[in-house]
């Protein structure tokens, strides 16, 4: 549609009177991601379950947030 990809999401409401089931958006212009805390990786040592299986346990986490910073770059269709 207009050269933009079409994504279908179960998070959007069903098509019904007064619903807003369709959004036309340029995500590069409308949305910004922000990394709140860089990725951390932890090596869990002395874990008997992993040691007995001959494996290692690595755990990583990262905190990312996002915000619409340009509402003019999106349009919502009300049915």
PDB file of N, CA and C in Angstrom:
ATOM      1  N   UNK A   1       0.845  -1.169   0.000  1.00  0.00           N
ATOM      2  CA  UNK A   1       0.000   0.000   0.000  1.00  0.00           C
ATOM      3  C   UNK A   1       0.895   1.239   0.000  1.00  0.00           C
ATOM      4  N   UNK A   2       0.859   1.996  -1.055  1.00  0.00           N
ATOM      5  CA  UNK A   2       1.688   3.200  -1.211  1.00  0.00           C
ATOM      6  C   UNK A   2       3.173   2.882  -1.064  1.00  0.00           C
ATOM      7  N   UNK A   3       3.561   1.658  -1.362  1.00  0.00           N
ATOM      8  CA  UNK A   3       4.955   1.260  -1.254  1.00  0.00           C
ATOM      9  C   UNK A   3       5.401   0.927   0.164  1.00  0.00           C
ATOM     10  N   UNK A   4       4.486   0.979   1.131  1.00  0.00           N
ATOM     11  CA  UNK A   4       4.817   0.668   2.519  1.00  0.00           C
ATOM     12  C   UNK A   4       4.470  -0.781   2.825  1.00  0.00           C
ATOM     13  N   UNK A   5       5.223  -1.427   3.707  1.00  0.00           N
ATOM     14  CA  UNK A   5       4.877  -2.793   4.086  1.00  0.00           C
ATOM     15  C   UNK A   5       3.572  -2.821   4.882  1.00  0.00           C
ATOM     16  N   UNK A   6       2.856  -3.924   4.791  1.00  0.00           N
ATOM     17  CA  UNK A   6       1.617  -4.099   5.541  1.00  0.00           C
ATOM     18  C   UNK A   6       1.878  -5.128   6.631  1.00  0.00           C
ATOM     19  N   UNK A   7       1.617  -4.737   7.870  1.00  0.00           N
ATOM     20  CA  UNK A   7       1.775  -5.619   9.016  1.00  0.00           C
ATOM     21  C   UNK A   7       0.409  -5.840   9.643  1.00  0.00           C
ATOM     22  N   UNK A   8       0.093  -7.078   9.959  1.00  0.00           N
ATOM     23  CA  UNK A   8      -1.174  -7.410  10.604  1.00  0.00           C
ATOM     24  C   UNK A   8      -0.867  -7.846  12.028  1.00  0.00           C
ATOM     25  N   UNK A   9      -1.586  -7.243  12.982  1.00  0.00           N
ATOM     26  CA  UNK A   9      -1.312  -7.509  14.388  1.00  0.00           C
ATOM     27  C   UNK A   9      -2.595  -7.856  15.132  1.00  0.00           C
ATOM     28  N   UNK A  10      -2.518  -8.867  15.986  1.00  0.00           N
ATOM     29  CA  UNK A  10      -3.651  -9.226  16.843  1.00  0.00           C
ATOM     30  C   UNK A  10      -3.878  -8.178  17.932  1.00  0.00           C
ATOM     31  N   UNK A  11      -2.921  -7.260  18.129  1.00  0.00           N
ATOM     32  CA  UNK A  11      -3.055  -6.235  19.167  1.00  0.00           C
ATOM     33  C   UNK A  11      -4.011  -5.118  18.769  1.00  0.00           C
ATOM     34  N   UNK A  12      -4.273  -4.994  17.465  1.00  0.00           N
ATOM     35  CA  UNK A  12      -5.172  -3.946  16.999  1.00  0.00           C
ATOM     36  C   UNK A  12      -6.620  -4.387  17.202  1.00  0.00           C
ATOM     37  N   UNK A  13      -7.527  -3.431  17.405  1.00  0.00           N
ATOM     38  CA  UNK A  13      -8.934  -3.804  17.620  1.00  0.00           C
ATOM     39  C   UNK A  13      -9.567  -4.356  16.341  1.00  0.00           C
ATOM     40  N   UNK A  14     -10.630  -5.124  16.521  1.00  0.00           N
ATOM     41  CA  UNK A  14     -11.396  -5.629  15.377  1.00  0.00           C
ATOM     42  C   UNK A  14     -12.080  -4.457  14.676  1.00  0.00           C
ATOM     43  N   UNK A  15     -12.397  -4.638  13.400  1.00  0.00           N
ATOM     44  CA  UNK A  15     -13.094  -3.594  12.653  1.00  0.00           C
ATOM     45  C   UNK A  15     -14.530  -3.526  13.152  1.00  0.00           C
ATOM     46  N   UNK A  16     -14.895  -2.382  13.723  1.00  0.00           N
ATOM     47  CA  UNK A  16     -16.237  -2.146  14.252  1.00  0.00           C
ATOM     48  C   UNK A  16     -16.461  -0.643  14.294  1.00  0.00           C
ATOM     49  N   UNK A  17     -17.693  -0.240  14.403  1.00  0.00           N
ATOM     50  CA  UNK A  17     -18.032   1.168  14.435  1.00  0.00           C
ATOM     51  C   UNK A  17     -17.327   1.864  15.598  1.00  0.00           C
ATOM     52  N   UNK A  18     -16.581   2.922  15.313  1.00  0.00           N
ATOM     53  CA  UNK A  18     -15.861   3.674  16.336  1.00  0.00           C
ATOM     54  C   UNK A  18     -14.474   3.131  16.650  1.00  0.00           C
ATOM     55  N   UNK A  19     -14.147   1.962  16.102  1.00  0.00           N
ATOM     56  CA  UNK A  19     -12.832   1.369  16.366  1.00  0.00           C
ATOM     57  C   UNK A  19     -11.757   2.061  15.522  1.00  0.00           C
ATOM     58  N   UNK A  20     -10.515   1.902  15.934  1.00  0.00           N
ATOM     59  CA  UNK A  20      -9.368   2.458  15.204  1.00  0.00           C
ATOM     60  C   UNK A  20      -8.416   1.321  14.832  1.00  0.00           C
ATOM     61  N   UNK A  21      -8.819   0.495  13.844  1.00  0.00           N
ATOM     62  CA  UNK A  21      -8.058  -0.716  13.546  1.00  0.00           C
ATOM     63  C   UNK A  21      -6.918  -0.555  12.549  1.00  0.00           C
ATOM     64  N   UNK A  22      -6.772   0.624  11.933  1.00  0.00           N
ATOM     65  CA  UNK A  22      -5.761   0.782  10.886  1.00  0.00           C
ATOM     66  C   UNK A  22      -4.890   1.995  11.185  1.00  0.00           C
ATOM     67  N   UNK A  23      -3.589   1.798  11.116  1.00  0.00           N
ATOM     68  CA  UNK A  23      -2.620   2.881  11.323  1.00  0.00           C
ATOM     69  C   UNK A  23      -1.707   2.934  10.103  1.00  0.00           C
ATOM     70  N   UNK A  24      -1.551   4.103   9.541  1.00  0.00           N
ATOM     71  CA  UNK A  24      -0.599   4.334   8.462  1.00  0.00           C
ATOM     72  C   UNK A  24       0.545   5.134   9.075  1.00  0.00           C
ATOM     73  N   UNK A  25       1.766   4.567   9.033  1.00  0.00           N
ATOM     74  CA  UNK A  25       2.861   5.181   9.768  1.00  0.00           C
ATOM     75  C   UNK A  25       4.185   5.001   9.041  1.00  0.00           C
ATOM     76  N   UNK A  26       5.015   6.018   9.126  1.00  0.00           N
ATOM     77  CA  UNK A  26       6.408   5.911   8.717  1.00  0.00           C
ATOM     78  C   UNK A  26       7.209   5.769  10.012  1.00  0.00           C
ATOM     79  N   UNK A  27       7.575   4.547  10.397  1.00  0.00           N
ATOM     80  CA  UNK A  27       8.214   4.338  11.703  1.00  0.00           C
ATOM     81  C   UNK A  27       9.540   5.078  11.859  1.00  0.00           C
ATOM     82  N   UNK A  28      10.271   5.292  10.770  1.00  0.00           N
ATOM     83  CA  UNK A  28      11.550   5.994  10.884  1.00  0.00           C
ATOM     84  C   UNK A  28      11.360   7.444  11.276  1.00  0.00           C
ATOM     85  N   UNK A  29      10.256   8.046  10.836  1.00  0.00           N
ATOM     86  CA  UNK A  29       9.993   9.446  11.174  1.00  0.00           C
ATOM     87  C   UNK A  29       9.172   9.599  12.449  1.00  0.00           C
ATOM     88  N   UNK A  30       8.395   8.586  12.807  1.00  0.00           N
ATOM     89  CA  UNK A  30       7.450   8.719  13.915  1.00  0.00           C
ATOM     90  C   UNK A  30       7.983   8.223  15.251  1.00  0.00           C
ATOM     91  N   UNK A  31       8.838   7.216  15.242  1.00  0.00           N
ATOM     92  CA  UNK A  31       9.146   6.477  16.471  1.00  0.00           C
ATOM     93  C   UNK A  31      10.643   6.478  16.761  1.00  0.00           C
ATOM     94  N   UNK A  32      10.981   6.568  18.036  1.00  0.00           N
ATOM     95  CA  UNK A  32      12.378   6.518  18.454  1.00  0.00           C
ATOM     96  C   UNK A  32      12.555   5.452  19.532  1.00  0.00           C
ATOM     97  N   UNK A  33      13.580   4.636  19.375  1.00  0.00           N
ATOM     98  CA  UNK A  33      13.967   3.660  20.401  1.00  0.00           C
ATOM     99  C   UNK A  33      15.068   4.273  21.248  1.00  0.00           C
ATOM    100  N   UNK A  34      15.048   3.950  22.522  1.00  0.00           N
ATOM    101  CA  UNK A  34      16.098   4.432  23.419  1.00  0.00           C
ATOM    102  C   UNK A  34      16.584   3.264  24.268  1.00  0.00           C
ATOM    103  N   UNK A  35      17.877   3.034  24.261  1.00  0.00           N
ATOM    104  CA  UNK A  35      18.456   1.992  25.103  1.00  0.00           C
ATOM    105  C   UNK A  35      18.683   2.597  26.475  1.00  0.00           C
ATOM    106  N   UNK A  36      17.931   2.098  27.459  1.00  0.00           N
ATOM    107  CA  UNK A  36      18.017   2.629  28.818  1.00  0.00           C
ATOM    108  C   UNK A  36      19.265   2.128  29.542  1.00  0.00           C
ATOM    109  N   UNK A  37      19.614   0.890  29.277  1.00  0.00           N
ATOM    110  CA  UNK A  37      20.782   0.297  29.927  1.00  0.00           C
ATOM    111  C   UNK A  37      21.383  -0.679  28.928  1.00  0.00           C
ATOM    112  N   UNK A  38      22.664  -0.559  28.696  1.00  0.00           N
ATOM    113  CA  UNK A  38      23.332  -1.431  27.736  1.00  0.00           C
ATOM    114  C   UNK A  38      23.188  -2.899  28.100  1.00  0.00           C
ATOM    115  N   UNK A  39      23.485  -3.745  27.147  1.00  0.00           N
ATOM    116  CA  UNK A  39      23.349  -5.181  27.362  1.00  0.00           C
ATOM    117  C   UNK A  39      24.381  -5.663  28.378  1.00  0.00           C
ATOM    118  N   UNK A  40      23.923  -6.492  29.256  1.00  0.00           N
ATOM    119  CA  UNK A  40      24.804  -7.121  30.255  1.00  0.00           C
ATOM    120  C   UNK A  40      24.750  -8.626  30.049  1.00  0.00           C
ATOM    121  N   UNK A  41      25.902  -9.263  30.105  1.00  0.00           N
ATOM    122  CA  UNK A  41      25.935 -10.709  30.005  1.00  0.00           C
ATOM    123  C   UNK A  41      26.629 -11.251  31.248  1.00  0.00           C
ATOM    124  N   UNK A  42      25.997 -12.231  31.851  1.00  0.00           N
ATOM    125  CA  UNK A  42      26.542 -12.846  33.066  1.00  0.00           C
ATOM    126  C   UNK A  42      26.805 -14.323  32.803  1.00  0.00           C
ATOM    127  N   UNK A  43      27.951 -14.774  33.231  1.00  0.00           N
ATOM    128  CA  UNK A  43      28.278 -16.190  33.176  1.00  0.00           C
ATOM    129  C   UNK A  43      27.994 -16.760  34.559  1.00  0.00           C
ATOM    130  N   UNK A  44      27.030 -17.645  34.638  1.00  0.00           N
ATOM    131  CA  UNK A  44      26.656 -18.231  35.921  1.00  0.00           C
ATOM    132  C   UNK A  44      27.573 -19.425  36.165  1.00  0.00           C
ATOM    133  N   UNK A  45      28.473 -19.244  37.124  1.00  0.00           N
ATOM    134  CA  UNK A  45      29.447 -20.298  37.444  1.00  0.00           C
ATOM    135  C   UNK A  45      28.958 -21.082  38.671  1.00  0.00           C
ATOM    136  N   UNK A  46      29.539 -22.203  38.899  1.00  0.00           N
ATOM    137  CA  UNK A  46      29.228 -23.064  40.047  1.00  0.00           C
ATOM    138  C   UNK A  46      27.769 -23.507  40.049  1.00  0.00           C
ATOM    139  N   UNK A  47      27.211 -23.725  38.884  1.00  0.00           N
ATOM    140  CA  UNK A  47      25.851 -24.222  38.763  1.00  0.00           C
ATOM    141  C   UNK A  47      25.955 -25.727  38.549  1.00  0.00           C
ATOM    142  N   UNK A  48      25.589 -26.503  39.546  1.00  0.00           N
ATOM    143  CA  UNK A  48      25.799 -27.948  39.480  1.00  0.00           C
ATOM    144  C   UNK A  48      24.994 -28.602  38.350  1.00  0.00           C
ATOM    145  N   UNK A  49      23.801 -28.102  38.052  1.00  0.00           N
ATOM    146  CA  UNK A  49      22.990 -28.689  36.980  1.00  0.00           C
ATOM    147  C   UNK A  49      23.705 -28.551  35.641  1.00  0.00           C
ATOM    148  N   UNK A  50      24.218 -27.353  35.353  1.00  0.00           N
ATOM    149  CA  UNK A  50      24.926 -27.127  34.093  1.00  0.00           C
ATOM    150  C   UNK A  50      26.232 -27.919  34.052  1.00  0.00           C
ATOM    151  N   UNK A  51      26.938 -27.944  35.163  1.00  0.00           N
ATOM    152  CA  UNK A  51      28.223 -28.646  35.205  1.00  0.00           C
ATOM    153  C   UNK A  51      28.037 -30.146  34.961  1.00  0.00           C
ATOM    154  N   UNK A  52      27.013 -30.729  35.540  1.00  0.00           N
ATOM    155  CA  UNK A  52      26.772 -32.160  35.366  1.00  0.00           C
ATOM    156  C   UNK A  52      26.400 -32.492  33.924  1.00  0.00           C
ATOM    157  N   UNK A  53      25.782 -31.545  33.219  1.00  0.00           N
ATOM    158  CA  UNK A  53      25.411 -31.770  31.823  1.00  0.00           C
ATOM    159  C   UNK A  53      26.516 -31.356  30.869  1.00  0.00           C
ATOM    160  N   UNK A  54      27.597 -30.807  31.395  1.00  0.00           N
ATOM    161  CA  UNK A  54      28.712 -30.380  30.566  1.00  0.00           C
ATOM    162  C   UNK A  54      28.448 -29.072  29.839  1.00  0.00           C
ATOM    163  N   UNK A  55      27.525 -28.269  30.338  1.00  0.00           N
ATOM    164  CA  UNK A  55      27.181 -27.008  29.678  1.00  0.00           C
ATOM    165  C   UNK A  55      27.569 -25.801  30.507  1.00  0.00           C
ATOM    166  N   UNK A  56      27.291 -24.645  29.964  1.00  0.00           N
ATOM    167  CA  UNK A  56      27.515 -23.385  30.656  1.00  0.00           C
ATOM    168  C   UNK A  56      26.230 -22.577  30.580  1.00  0.00           C
ATOM    169  N   UNK A  57      26.009 -21.720  31.563  1.00  0.00           N
ATOM    170  CA  UNK A  57      24.814 -20.896  31.589  1.00  0.00           C
ATOM    171  C   UNK A  57      25.208 -19.435  31.434  1.00  0.00           C
ATOM    172  N   UNK A  58      24.700 -18.810  30.373  1.00  0.00           N
ATOM    173  CA  UNK A  58      24.916 -17.391  30.123  1.00  0.00           C
ATOM    174  C   UNK A  58      23.561 -16.701  30.164  1.00  0.00           C
ATOM    175  N   UNK A  59      23.475 -15.593  30.881  1.00  0.00           N
ATOM    176  CA  UNK A  59      22.234 -14.832  30.994  1.00  0.00           C
ATOM    177  C   UNK A  59      22.523 -13.409  30.556  1.00  0.00           C
ATOM    178  N   UNK A  60      21.657 -12.858  29.677  1.00  0.00           N
ATOM    179  CA  UNK A  60      21.855 -11.477  29.247  1.00  0.00           C
ATOM    180  C   UNK A  60      20.549 -10.714  29.365  1.00  0.00           C
ATOM    181  N   UNK A  61      20.660  -9.399  29.553  1.00  0.00           N
ATOM    182  CA  UNK A  61      19.477  -8.548  29.575  1.00  0.00           C
ATOM    183  C   UNK A  61      19.816  -7.165  29.038  1.00  0.00           C
ATOM    184  N   UNK A  62      18.777  -6.497  28.554  1.00  0.00           N
ATOM    185  CA  UNK A  62      18.906  -5.148  28.022  1.00  0.00           C
ATOM    186  C   UNK A  62      17.562  -4.450  28.242  1.00  0.00           C
ATOM    187  N   UNK A  63      17.603  -3.174  28.520  1.00  0.00           N
ATOM    188  CA  UNK A  63      16.390  -2.401  28.735  1.00  0.00           C
ATOM    189  C   UNK A  63      16.242  -1.380  27.608  1.00  0.00           C
ATOM    190  N   UNK A  64      15.142  -1.510  26.841  1.00  0.00           N
ATOM    191  CA  UNK A  64      14.888  -0.630  25.704  1.00  0.00           C
ATOM    192  C   UNK A  64      13.506  -0.011  25.870  1.00  0.00           C
ATOM    193  N   UNK A  65      13.413   1.268  25.542  1.00  0.00           N
ATOM    194  CA  UNK A  65      12.153   1.992  25.617  1.00  0.00           C
ATOM    195  C   UNK A  65      11.896   2.627  24.260  1.00  0.00           C
ATOM    196  N   UNK A  66      10.687   3.039  24.009  1.00  0.00           N
ATOM    197  CA  UNK A  66      10.370   3.699  22.750  1.00  0.00           C
ATOM    198  C   UNK A  66       9.283   4.729  22.945  1.00  0.00           C
ATOM    199  N   UNK A  67       9.242   5.708  22.041  1.00  0.00           N
ATOM    200  CA  UNK A  67       8.254   6.772  22.148  1.00  0.00           C
ATOM    201  C   UNK A  67       7.940   7.322  20.755  1.00  0.00           C
ATOM    202  N   UNK A  68       6.686   7.714  20.554  1.00  0.00           N
ATOM    203  CA  UNK A  68       6.307   8.428  19.334  1.00  0.00           C
ATOM    204  C   UNK A  68       6.756   9.868  19.521  1.00  0.00           C
ATOM    205  N   UNK A  69       7.674  10.325  18.686  1.00  0.00           N
ATOM    206  CA  UNK A  69       8.184  11.695  18.822  1.00  0.00           C
ATOM    207  C   UNK A  69       7.672  12.622  17.727  1.00  0.00           C
ATOM    208  N   UNK A  70       7.015  12.065  16.713  1.00  0.00           N
ATOM    209  CA  UNK A  70       6.495  12.878  15.618  1.00  0.00           C
ATOM    210  C   UNK A  70       5.120  12.326  15.218  1.00  0.00           C
ATOM    211  N   UNK A  71       4.077  12.815  15.868  1.00  0.00           N
ATOM    212  CA  UNK A  71       2.722  12.324  15.604  1.00  0.00           C
ATOM    213  C   UNK A  71       2.253  12.651  14.198  1.00  0.00           C
ATOM    214  N   UNK A  72       2.892  13.610  13.531  1.00  0.00           N
ATOM    215  CA  UNK A  72       2.517  13.953  12.154  1.00  0.00           C
ATOM    216  C   UNK A  72       2.909  12.862  11.168  1.00  0.00           C
ATOM    217  N   UNK A  73       3.772  11.941  11.578  1.00  0.00           N
ATOM    218  CA  UNK A  73       4.221  10.867  10.692  1.00  0.00           C
ATOM    219  C   UNK A  73       3.343   9.628  10.790  1.00  0.00           C
ATOM    220  N   UNK A  74       2.198   9.741  11.484  1.00  0.00           N
ATOM    221  CA  UNK A  74       1.268   8.619  11.526  1.00  0.00           C
ATOM    222  C   UNK A  74      -0.172   9.117  11.465  1.00  0.00           C
ATOM    223  N   UNK A  75      -1.011   8.266  10.933  1.00  0.00           N
ATOM    224  CA  UNK A  75      -2.439   8.550  10.835  1.00  0.00           C
ATOM    225  C   UNK A  75      -3.193   7.310  11.286  1.00  0.00           C
ATOM    226  N   UNK A  76      -4.278   7.532  12.037  1.00  0.00           N
ATOM    227  CA  UNK A  76      -5.110   6.450  12.547  1.00  0.00           C
ATOM    228  C   UNK A  76      -6.480   6.552  11.884  1.00  0.00           C
ATOM    229  N   UNK A  77      -6.964   5.443  11.330  1.00  0.00           N
ATOM    230  CA  UNK A  77      -8.259   5.420  10.675  1.00  0.00           C
ATOM    231  C   UNK A  77      -9.333   5.009  11.674  1.00  0.00           C
ATOM    232  N   UNK A  78     -10.332   5.852  11.853  1.00  0.00           N
ATOM    233  CA  UNK A  78     -11.490   5.522  12.687  1.00  0.00           C
ATOM    234  C   UNK A  78     -12.600   5.023  11.778  1.00  0.00           C
ATOM    235  N   UNK A  79     -13.139   3.849  12.092  1.00  0.00           N
ATOM    236  CA  UNK A  79     -14.192   3.247  11.271  1.00  0.00           C
ATOM    237  C   UNK A  79     -15.528   3.847  11.649  1.00  0.00           C
TER     238      UNK A  79
END
